[in-house]
Amino acid sequence: MILLVEDDPVTCHIMSAVLKRLRLPHAVAHTGAEALAQVARQPVDLIVADLVLPDVHGLDLIEQILAKPHLQDIPVMFCTTHSDPQTVQRALALGAVDFVKKPLNVDGFVRRIARALKRAPARWEPWRDVIRRLHVDSRTFEPLLTLARDALAELVQTLSAIVEGRTTVAEVGNEALAARVVRVRGAALNVGAIRTVQLIDYLWSGTATESDVSALHAALVIELGVVEQAVQRRSTSADAVA
């Protein structure tokens, strides 16, 4: 999903129209606060951000977003009318992959989007590759996907209770919590949820520190939504994998 962070209605309309034509899923945020809310609840593969927003400078917003461990590898493009060398330098230091100039050149925007999406984090192993790797058929795969969703939901619920102070790691049990994380990692691997596996490996040290729990919870809330969507698509798709 591409997140457009843009308060200018004309630019926003043009960008949205182009992405619809390309059949690329996208969402729109008109302020920095809206953008922060979007990245907290759904998977984002690319951010296209205006430098000047009503409530925050675009560079400050992206710095806030990329400070979160599970969002650090999301590619960012900045959209601007003009930019001074200092702004460009800071944007590049943040990891910006490109700049889009206003007014938009549609063909140029399309090329830049295609190029930037190549930097997006991998999320899924192709279904057929999973089936070949596990030596199962499509009828076995669907229950595996449901099991992964259920295990992930249970872990998210547990992490949420710890983050919100309704329980503690000691009450859950460090070993029990670590076992749940390992179980979710295995279930995610079995269905080819590459992103979920990578985030667990990156964020979970196994010691269940406060930062471990908080960062993993924030990441897995999004991953649960992704897996739930996959379950729904698989259950309603007429194009079953042979």
C-alpha atoms as a PDB file:
ATOM      1  CA  MET A   1       0.000   0.000   0.000  1.00  0.00           C
ATOM      2  CA  ILE A   2       1.243   3.481  -0.902  1.00  0.00           C
ATOM      3  CA  LEU A   3       0.625   6.278   1.600  1.00  0.00           C
ATOM      4  CA  LEU A   4       0.198   9.740   0.091  1.00  0.00           C
ATOM      5  CA  VAL A   5       0.838  12.505   2.629  1.00  0.00           C
ATOM      6  CA  GLU A   6      -0.336  15.609   0.819  1.00  0.00           C
ATOM      7  CA  ASP A   7      -2.538  18.548   1.784  1.00  0.00           C
ATOM      8  CA  ASP A   8      -2.822  20.159  -1.653  1.00  0.00           C
ATOM      9  CA  PRO A   9      -6.125  18.899  -3.130  1.00  0.00           C
ATOM     10  CA  VAL A  10      -5.050  19.216  -6.780  1.00  0.00           C
ATOM     11  CA  THR A  11      -1.784  17.311  -6.320  1.00  0.00           C
ATOM     12  CA  CYS A  12      -3.551  14.742  -4.164  1.00  0.00           C
ATOM     13  CA  HIS A  13      -6.235  14.209  -6.815  1.00  0.00           C
ATOM     14  CA  ILE A  14      -3.673  13.731  -9.588  1.00  0.00           C
ATOM     15  CA  MET A  15      -1.596  11.276  -7.554  1.00  0.00           C
ATOM     16  CA  SER A  16      -4.654   9.273  -6.540  1.00  0.00           C
ATOM     17  CA  ALA A  17      -5.913   9.142 -10.128  1.00  0.00           C
ATOM     18  CA  VAL A  18      -2.544   7.867 -11.352  1.00  0.00           C
ATOM     19  CA  LEU A  19      -2.340   5.182  -8.675  1.00  0.00           C
ATOM     20  CA  LYS A  20      -5.915   4.070  -9.385  1.00  0.00           C
ATOM     21  CA  ARG A  21      -5.043   3.781 -13.073  1.00  0.00           C
ATOM     22  CA  LEU A  22      -2.031   1.667 -12.133  1.00  0.00           C
ATOM     23  CA  ARG A  23      -4.233  -0.393  -9.795  1.00  0.00           C
ATOM     24  CA  LEU A  24      -1.933   0.317  -6.880  1.00  0.00           C
ATOM     25  CA  PRO A  25      -3.618   0.305  -3.445  1.00  0.00           C
ATOM     26  CA  HIS A  26      -3.140   3.589  -1.651  1.00  0.00           C
ATOM     27  CA  ALA A  27      -4.370   5.728   1.211  1.00  0.00           C
ATOM     28  CA  VAL A  28      -4.302   9.480   1.734  1.00  0.00           C
ATOM     29  CA  ALA A  29      -3.291  11.524   4.759  1.00  0.00           C
ATOM     30  CA  HIS A  30      -3.691  15.305   4.669  1.00  0.00           C
ATOM     31  CA  THR A  31      -1.717  15.991   7.857  1.00  0.00           C
ATOM     32  CA  GLY A  32       1.186  14.542   9.753  1.00  0.00           C
ATOM     33  CA  ALA A  33      -1.154  13.317  12.488  1.00  0.00           C
ATOM     34  CA  GLU A  34      -3.234  11.413   9.938  1.00  0.00           C
ATOM     35  CA  ALA A  35      -0.079   9.882   8.465  1.00  0.00           C
ATOM     36  CA  LEU A  36       1.094   8.658  11.872  1.00  0.00           C
ATOM     37  CA  ALA A  37      -2.309   7.072  12.457  1.00  0.00           C
ATOM     38  CA  GLN A  38      -2.185   5.335   9.061  1.00  0.00           C
ATOM     39  CA  VAL A  39       1.262   3.777   9.532  1.00  0.00           C
ATOM     40  CA  ALA A  40       0.266   2.543  12.982  1.00  0.00           C
ATOM     41  CA  ARG A  41      -2.597   0.405  11.714  1.00  0.00           C
ATOM     42  CA  GLN A  42      -1.885  -0.809   8.186  1.00  0.00           C
ATOM     43  CA  PRO A  43       1.041  -2.028   6.089  1.00  0.00           C
ATOM     44  CA  VAL A  44       2.794   0.646   4.056  1.00  0.00           C
ATOM     45  CA  ASP A  45       5.148  -0.195   1.188  1.00  0.00           C
ATOM     46  CA  LEU A  46       5.978   3.357   0.106  1.00  0.00           C
ATOM     47  CA  ILE A  47       5.414   6.864   1.489  1.00  0.00           C
ATOM     48  CA  VAL A  48       5.058   9.871  -0.812  1.00  0.00           C
ATOM     49  CA  ALA A  49       5.204  12.924   1.449  1.00  0.00           C
ATOM     50  CA  ASP A  50       4.845  16.650   0.896  1.00  0.00           C
ATOM     51  CA  LEU A  51       7.546  18.710   2.559  1.00  0.00           C
ATOM     52  CA  VAL A  52       5.103  21.343   3.804  1.00  0.00           C
ATOM     53  CA  LEU A  53       2.105  20.078   5.798  1.00  0.00           C
ATOM     54  CA  PRO A  54      -0.366  22.003   7.981  1.00  0.00           C
ATOM     55  CA  ASP A  55       0.884  20.568  11.280  1.00  0.00           C
ATOM     56  CA  VAL A  56       4.475  19.458  10.669  1.00  0.00           C
ATOM     57  CA  HIS A  57       7.375  19.692   8.250  1.00  0.00           C
ATOM     58  CA  GLY A  58       7.555  16.639   6.034  1.00  0.00           C
ATOM     59  CA  LEU A  59      11.127  15.873   7.091  1.00  0.00           C
ATOM     60  CA  ASP A  60      10.186  15.928  10.777  1.00  0.00           C
ATOM     61  CA  LEU A  61       7.241  13.637  10.088  1.00  0.00           C
ATOM     62  CA  ILE A  62       9.339  11.079   8.232  1.00  0.00           C
ATOM     63  CA  GLU A  63      11.954  11.219  10.972  1.00  0.00           C
ATOM     64  CA  GLN A  64       9.231  10.305  13.492  1.00  0.00           C
ATOM     65  CA  ILE A  65       7.986   7.440  11.334  1.00  0.00           C
ATOM     66  CA  LEU A  66      11.383   5.971  10.522  1.00  0.00           C
ATOM     67  CA  ALA A  67      12.383   6.124  14.179  1.00  0.00           C
ATOM     68  CA  LYS A  68      10.057   3.163  14.737  1.00  0.00           C
ATOM     69  CA  PRO A  69      12.079  -0.046  14.236  1.00  0.00           C
ATOM     70  CA  HIS A  70       9.436  -1.876  12.188  1.00  0.00           C
ATOM     71  CA  LEU A  71       9.050   1.045   9.759  1.00  0.00           C
ATOM     72  CA  GLN A  72      12.699   1.862   9.125  1.00  0.00           C
ATOM     73  CA  ASP A  73      12.908   0.065   5.775  1.00  0.00           C
ATOM     74  CA  ILE A  74       9.893   1.740   4.161  1.00  0.00           C
ATOM     75  CA  PRO A  75      11.069   3.787   1.148  1.00  0.00           C
ATOM     76  CA  VAL A  76      10.136   7.481   1.105  1.00  0.00           C
ATOM     77  CA  MET A  77       9.676   9.932  -1.759  1.00  0.00           C
ATOM     78  CA  PHE A  78       9.300  13.639  -1.074  1.00  0.00           C
ATOM     79  CA  CYS A  79       7.007  15.895  -3.080  1.00  0.00           C
ATOM     80  CA  THR A  80       7.964  19.550  -3.257  1.00  0.00           C
ATOM     81  CA  THR A  81       7.769  22.726  -5.298  1.00  0.00           C
ATOM     82  CA  HIS A  82      11.342  23.642  -4.523  1.00  0.00           C
ATOM     83  CA  SER A  83      14.010  22.467  -2.127  1.00  0.00           C
ATOM     84  CA  ASP A  84      17.250  23.990  -0.921  1.00  0.00           C
ATOM     85  CA  PRO A  85      20.501  21.979  -0.684  1.00  0.00           C
ATOM     86  CA  GLN A  86      20.188  21.645   3.105  1.00  0.00           C
ATOM     87  CA  THR A  87      16.717  20.110   2.776  1.00  0.00           C
ATOM     88  CA  VAL A  88      17.897  17.693   0.107  1.00  0.00           C
ATOM     89  CA  GLN A  89      20.889  16.725   2.218  1.00  0.00           C
ATOM     90  CA  ARG A  90      18.736  16.047   5.280  1.00  0.00           C
ATOM     91  CA  ALA A  91      16.216  14.078   3.220  1.00  0.00           C
ATOM     92  CA  LEU A  92      18.949  11.885   1.768  1.00  0.00           C
ATOM     93  CA  ALA A  93      20.382  11.367   5.242  1.00  0.00           C
ATOM     94  CA  LEU A  94      16.949  10.100   6.311  1.00  0.00           C
ATOM     95  CA  GLY A  95      17.050   7.617   3.440  1.00  0.00           C
ATOM     96  CA  ALA A  96      14.775   9.321   0.902  1.00  0.00           C
ATOM     97  CA  VAL A  97      14.835   7.416  -2.379  1.00  0.00           C
ATOM     98  CA  ASP A  98      13.559  10.208  -4.644  1.00  0.00           C
ATOM     99  CA  PHE A  99      12.053  13.664  -5.030  1.00  0.00           C
ATOM    100  CA  VAL A 100       8.917  14.469  -7.027  1.00  0.00           C
ATOM    101  CA  LYS A 101       8.578  18.045  -8.239  1.00  0.00           C
ATOM    102  CA  LYS A 102       5.355  20.037  -8.346  1.00  0.00           C
ATOM    103  CA  PRO A 103       3.507  20.546 -10.576  1.00  0.00           C
ATOM    104  CA  LEU A 104       3.493  16.818 -11.259  1.00  0.00           C
ATOM    105  CA  ASN A 105       4.654  15.316 -14.510  1.00  0.00           C
ATOM    106  CA  VAL A 106       2.422  12.257 -14.698  1.00  0.00           C
ATOM    107  CA  ASP A 107       4.750  10.084 -16.792  1.00  0.00           C
ATOM    108  CA  GLY A 108       7.668  10.964 -14.553  1.00  0.00           C
ATOM    109  CA  PHE A 109       5.605  10.210 -11.450  1.00  0.00           C
ATOM    110  CA  VAL A 110       4.702   6.775 -12.812  1.00  0.00           C
ATOM    111  CA  ARG A 111       8.365   5.945 -13.469  1.00  0.00           C
ATOM    112  CA  ARG A 112       9.421   7.131 -10.032  1.00  0.00           C
ATOM    113  CA  ILE A 113       6.694   5.127  -8.292  1.00  0.00           C
ATOM    114  CA  ALA A 114       7.720   1.972 -10.155  1.00  0.00           C
ATOM    115  CA  ARG A 115      11.362   2.518  -9.240  1.00  0.00           C
ATOM    116  CA  ALA A 116      10.634   3.279  -5.581  1.00  0.00           C
ATOM    117  CA  LEU A 117       8.399   0.230  -5.160  1.00  0.00           C
ATOM    118  CA  LYS A 118      11.360  -1.975  -6.003  1.00  0.00           C
ATOM    119  CA  ARG A 119      12.744  -0.845  -2.643  1.00  0.00           C
ATOM    120  CA  ALA A 120       9.599  -1.875  -0.749  1.00  0.00           C
ATOM    121  CA  PRO A 121      10.005  -4.626   1.863  1.00  0.00           C
ATOM    122  CA  ALA A 122       9.091  -8.137   0.697  1.00  0.00           C
ATOM    123  CA  ARG A 123       5.910  -9.375   2.377  1.00  0.00           C
ATOM    124  CA  TRP A 124       4.946 -12.754   0.948  1.00  0.00           C
ATOM    125  CA  GLU A 125       6.604 -15.736  -0.630  1.00  0.00           C
ATOM    126  CA  PRO A 126       4.515 -16.771  -3.668  1.00  0.00           C
ATOM    127  CA  TRP A 127       1.860 -19.350  -2.735  1.00  0.00           C
ATOM    128  CA  ARG A 128       3.095 -21.903  -5.236  1.00  0.00           C
ATOM    129  CA  ASP A 129       6.640 -21.606  -3.876  1.00  0.00           C
ATOM    130  CA  VAL A 130       5.354 -22.203  -0.340  1.00  0.00           C
ATOM    131  CA  ILE A 131       3.450 -25.285  -1.459  1.00  0.00           C
ATOM    132  CA  ARG A 132       6.487 -26.692  -3.253  1.00  0.00           C
ATOM    133  CA  ARG A 133       8.753 -25.935  -0.284  1.00  0.00           C
ATOM    134  CA  LEU A 134       6.434 -27.588   2.235  1.00  0.00           C
ATOM    135  CA  HIS A 135       5.306 -30.401  -0.097  1.00  0.00           C
ATOM    136  CA  VAL A 136       1.637 -29.692   0.580  1.00  0.00           C
ATOM    137  CA  ASP A 137      -1.334 -28.935  -1.628  1.00  0.00           C
ATOM    138  CA  SER A 138      -3.656 -25.942  -1.680  1.00  0.00           C
ATOM    139  CA  ARG A 139      -6.206 -27.703   0.533  1.00  0.00           C
ATOM    140  CA  THR A 140      -3.548 -28.017   3.251  1.00  0.00           C
ATOM    141  CA  PHE A 141      -2.321 -24.478   2.768  1.00  0.00           C
ATOM    142  CA  GLU A 142      -5.580 -22.745   3.699  1.00  0.00           C
ATOM    143  CA  PRO A 143      -5.740 -24.326   7.192  1.00  0.00           C
ATOM    144  CA  LEU A 144      -2.062 -23.394   7.695  1.00  0.00           C
ATOM    145  CA  LEU A 145      -2.925 -19.785   6.908  1.00  0.00           C
ATOM    146  CA  THR A 146      -5.791 -19.826   9.402  1.00  0.00           C
ATOM    147  CA  LEU A 147      -3.537 -21.350  12.069  1.00  0.00           C
ATOM    148  CA  ALA A 148      -0.975 -18.611  11.449  1.00  0.00           C
ATOM    149  CA  ARG A 149      -3.671 -15.951  11.823  1.00  0.00           C
ATOM    150  CA  ASP A 150      -4.939 -17.470  15.092  1.00  0.00           C
ATOM    151  CA  ALA A 151      -1.458 -17.838  16.601  1.00  0.00           C
ATOM    152  CA  LEU A 152      -0.592 -14.272  15.634  1.00  0.00           C
ATOM    153  CA  ALA A 153      -3.855 -12.945  17.092  1.00  0.00           C
ATOM    154  CA  GLU A 154      -3.145 -14.722  20.391  1.00  0.00           C
ATOM    155  CA  LEU A 155       0.364 -13.239  20.561  1.00  0.00           C
ATOM    156  CA  VAL A 156      -0.872  -9.734  19.713  1.00  0.00           C
ATOM    157  CA  GLN A 157      -3.491 -10.014  22.453  1.00  0.00           C
ATOM    158  CA  THR A 158      -0.845 -11.066  24.990  1.00  0.00           C
ATOM    159  CA  LEU A 159       1.595  -8.321  23.977  1.00  0.00           C
ATOM    160  CA  SER A 160      -1.221  -5.773  24.086  1.00  0.00           C
ATOM    161  CA  ALA A 161      -2.092  -6.770  27.647  1.00  0.00           C
ATOM    162  CA  ILE A 162       1.555  -6.295  28.672  1.00  0.00           C
ATOM    163  CA  VAL A 163       1.910  -2.949  26.878  1.00  0.00           C
ATOM    164  CA  GLU A 164      -1.324  -1.649  28.433  1.00  0.00           C
ATOM    165  CA  GLY A 165      -0.334  -2.800  31.915  1.00  0.00           C
ATOM    166  CA  ARG A 166      -3.106  -5.384  32.292  1.00  0.00           C
ATOM    167  CA  THR A 167      -0.501  -8.082  32.923  1.00  0.00           C
ATOM    168  CA  THR A 168       3.273  -8.397  33.098  1.00  0.00           C
ATOM    169  CA  VAL A 169       5.954 -10.525  31.463  1.00  0.00           C
ATOM    170  CA  ALA A 170       6.499 -12.189  34.839  1.00  0.00           C
ATOM    171  CA  GLU A 171       2.816 -13.141  35.064  1.00  0.00           C
ATOM    172  CA  VAL A 172       2.763 -14.516  31.517  1.00  0.00           C
ATOM    173  CA  GLY A 173       6.124 -16.202  32.020  1.00  0.00           C
ATOM    174  CA  ASN A 174       9.223 -15.328  30.053  1.00  0.00           C
ATOM    175  CA  GLU A 175       9.583 -18.847  28.656  1.00  0.00           C
ATOM    176  CA  ALA A 176       5.880 -19.053  27.803  1.00  0.00           C
ATOM    177  CA  LEU A 177       6.006 -15.711  25.996  1.00  0.00           C
ATOM    178  CA  ALA A 178       9.163 -16.691  24.105  1.00  0.00           C
ATOM    179  CA  ALA A 179       7.498 -19.965  23.095  1.00  0.00           C
ATOM    180  CA  ARG A 180       4.514 -18.052  21.671  1.00  0.00           C
ATOM    181  CA  VAL A 181       6.824 -15.839  19.654  1.00  0.00           C
ATOM    182  CA  VAL A 182       8.669 -18.889  18.279  1.00  0.00           C
ATOM    183  CA  ARG A 183       5.342 -20.536  17.439  1.00  0.00           C
ATOM    184  CA  VAL A 184       4.161 -17.466  15.517  1.00  0.00           C
ATOM    185  CA  ARG A 185       7.482 -17.274  13.667  1.00  0.00           C
ATOM    186  CA  GLY A 186       7.145 -20.897  12.571  1.00  0.00           C
ATOM    187  CA  ALA A 187       3.523 -20.454  11.556  1.00  0.00           C
ATOM    188  CA  ALA A 188       4.396 -17.327   9.557  1.00  0.00           C
ATOM    189  CA  LEU A 189       7.255 -19.140   7.847  1.00  0.00           C
ATOM    190  CA  ASN A 190       4.927 -21.986   6.908  1.00  0.00           C
ATOM    191  CA  VAL A 191       2.639 -19.634   5.001  1.00  0.00           C
ATOM    192  CA  GLY A 192       5.408 -17.525   3.466  1.00  0.00           C
ATOM    193  CA  ALA A 193       4.738 -14.383   5.521  1.00  0.00           C
ATOM    194  CA  ILE A 194       8.278 -13.127   4.942  1.00  0.00           C
ATOM    195  CA  ARG A 195       7.771  -9.731   6.518  1.00  0.00           C
ATOM    196  CA  THR A 196       6.392 -11.190   9.750  1.00  0.00           C
ATOM    197  CA  VAL A 197       9.343 -13.552  10.100  1.00  0.00           C
ATOM    198  CA  GLN A 198      11.868 -10.798   9.413  1.00  0.00           C
ATOM    199  CA  LEU A 199      10.296  -8.433  11.948  1.00  0.00           C
ATOM    200  CA  ILE A 200      10.289 -11.088  14.669  1.00  0.00           C
ATOM    201  CA  ASP A 201      13.953 -11.837  13.988  1.00  0.00           C
ATOM    202  CA  TYR A 202      14.800  -8.144  14.033  1.00  0.00           C
ATOM    203  CA  LEU A 203      12.716  -6.983  16.990  1.00  0.00           C
ATOM    204  CA  TRP A 204      12.693  -9.911  19.394  1.00  0.00           C
ATOM    205  CA  SER A 205      15.849 -10.526  21.424  1.00  0.00           C
ATOM    206  CA  GLY A 206      14.254 -13.328  23.409  1.00  0.00           C
ATOM    207  CA  THR A 207      14.672 -11.527  26.720  1.00  0.00           C
ATOM    208  CA  ALA A 208      11.206  -9.912  26.721  1.00  0.00           C
ATOM    209  CA  THR A 209      12.446  -6.471  27.667  1.00  0.00           C
ATOM    210  CA  GLU A 210      10.007  -3.555  27.617  1.00  0.00           C
ATOM    211  CA  SER A 211      11.410  -2.388  24.269  1.00  0.00           C
ATOM    212  CA  ASP A 212      11.135  -5.923  22.854  1.00  0.00           C
ATOM    213  CA  VAL A 213       7.484  -6.183  23.810  1.00  0.00           C
ATOM    214  CA  SER A 214       6.525  -2.664  22.731  1.00  0.00           C
ATOM    215  CA  ALA A 215       8.268  -2.782  19.346  1.00  0.00           C
ATOM    216  CA  LEU A 216       7.073  -6.286  18.534  1.00  0.00           C
ATOM    217  CA  HIS A 217       3.502  -5.416  19.483  1.00  0.00           C
ATOM    218  CA  ALA A 218       3.463  -2.346  17.221  1.00  0.00           C
ATOM    219  CA  ALA A 219       4.793  -4.387  14.317  1.00  0.00           C
ATOM    220  CA  LEU A 220       2.585  -7.437  14.779  1.00  0.00           C
ATOM    221  CA  VAL A 221      -0.629  -5.404  15.010  1.00  0.00           C
ATOM    222  CA  ILE A 222       0.015  -4.503  11.375  1.00  0.00           C
ATOM    223  CA  GLU A 223       1.115  -8.027  10.444  1.00  0.00           C
ATOM    224  CA  LEU A 224      -2.067  -9.492  11.942  1.00  0.00           C
ATOM    225  CA  GLY A 225      -4.101  -7.272   9.651  1.00  0.00           C
ATOM    226  CA  VAL A 226      -2.069  -8.441   6.661  1.00  0.00           C
ATOM    227  CA  VAL A 227      -2.567 -12.114   7.491  1.00  0.00           C
ATOM    228  CA  GLU A 228      -6.287 -11.581   8.155  1.00  0.00           C
ATOM    229  CA  GLN A 229      -6.604 -10.030   4.693  1.00  0.00           C
ATOM    230  CA  ALA A 230      -4.759 -12.999   3.205  1.00  0.00           C
ATOM    231  CA  VAL A 231      -7.117 -15.440   4.938  1.00  0.00           C
ATOM    232  CA  GLN A 232     -10.106 -13.555   3.579  1.00  0.00           C
ATOM    233  CA  ARG A 233      -8.687 -13.436   0.056  1.00  0.00           C
ATOM    234  CA  ARG A 234      -7.862 -17.122   0.077  1.00  0.00           C
ATOM    235  CA  SER A 235     -11.290 -18.110   1.390  1.00  0.00           C
ATOM    236  CA  THR A 236     -13.149 -16.079  -1.229  1.00  0.00           C
ATOM    237  CA  SER A 237     -10.821 -16.573  -4.196  1.00  0.00           C
ATOM    238  CA  ALA A 238     -11.979 -18.752  -7.054  1.00  0.00           C
ATOM    239  CA  ASP A 239      -8.402 -19.000  -8.285  1.00  0.00           C
ATOM    240  CA  ALA A 240      -7.202 -21.771  -5.972  1.00  0.00           C
ATOM    241  CA  VAL A 241      -3.581 -22.763  -6.244  1.00  0.00           C
ATOM    242  CA  ALA A 242      -3.264 -26.097  -7.986  1.00  0.00           C
END
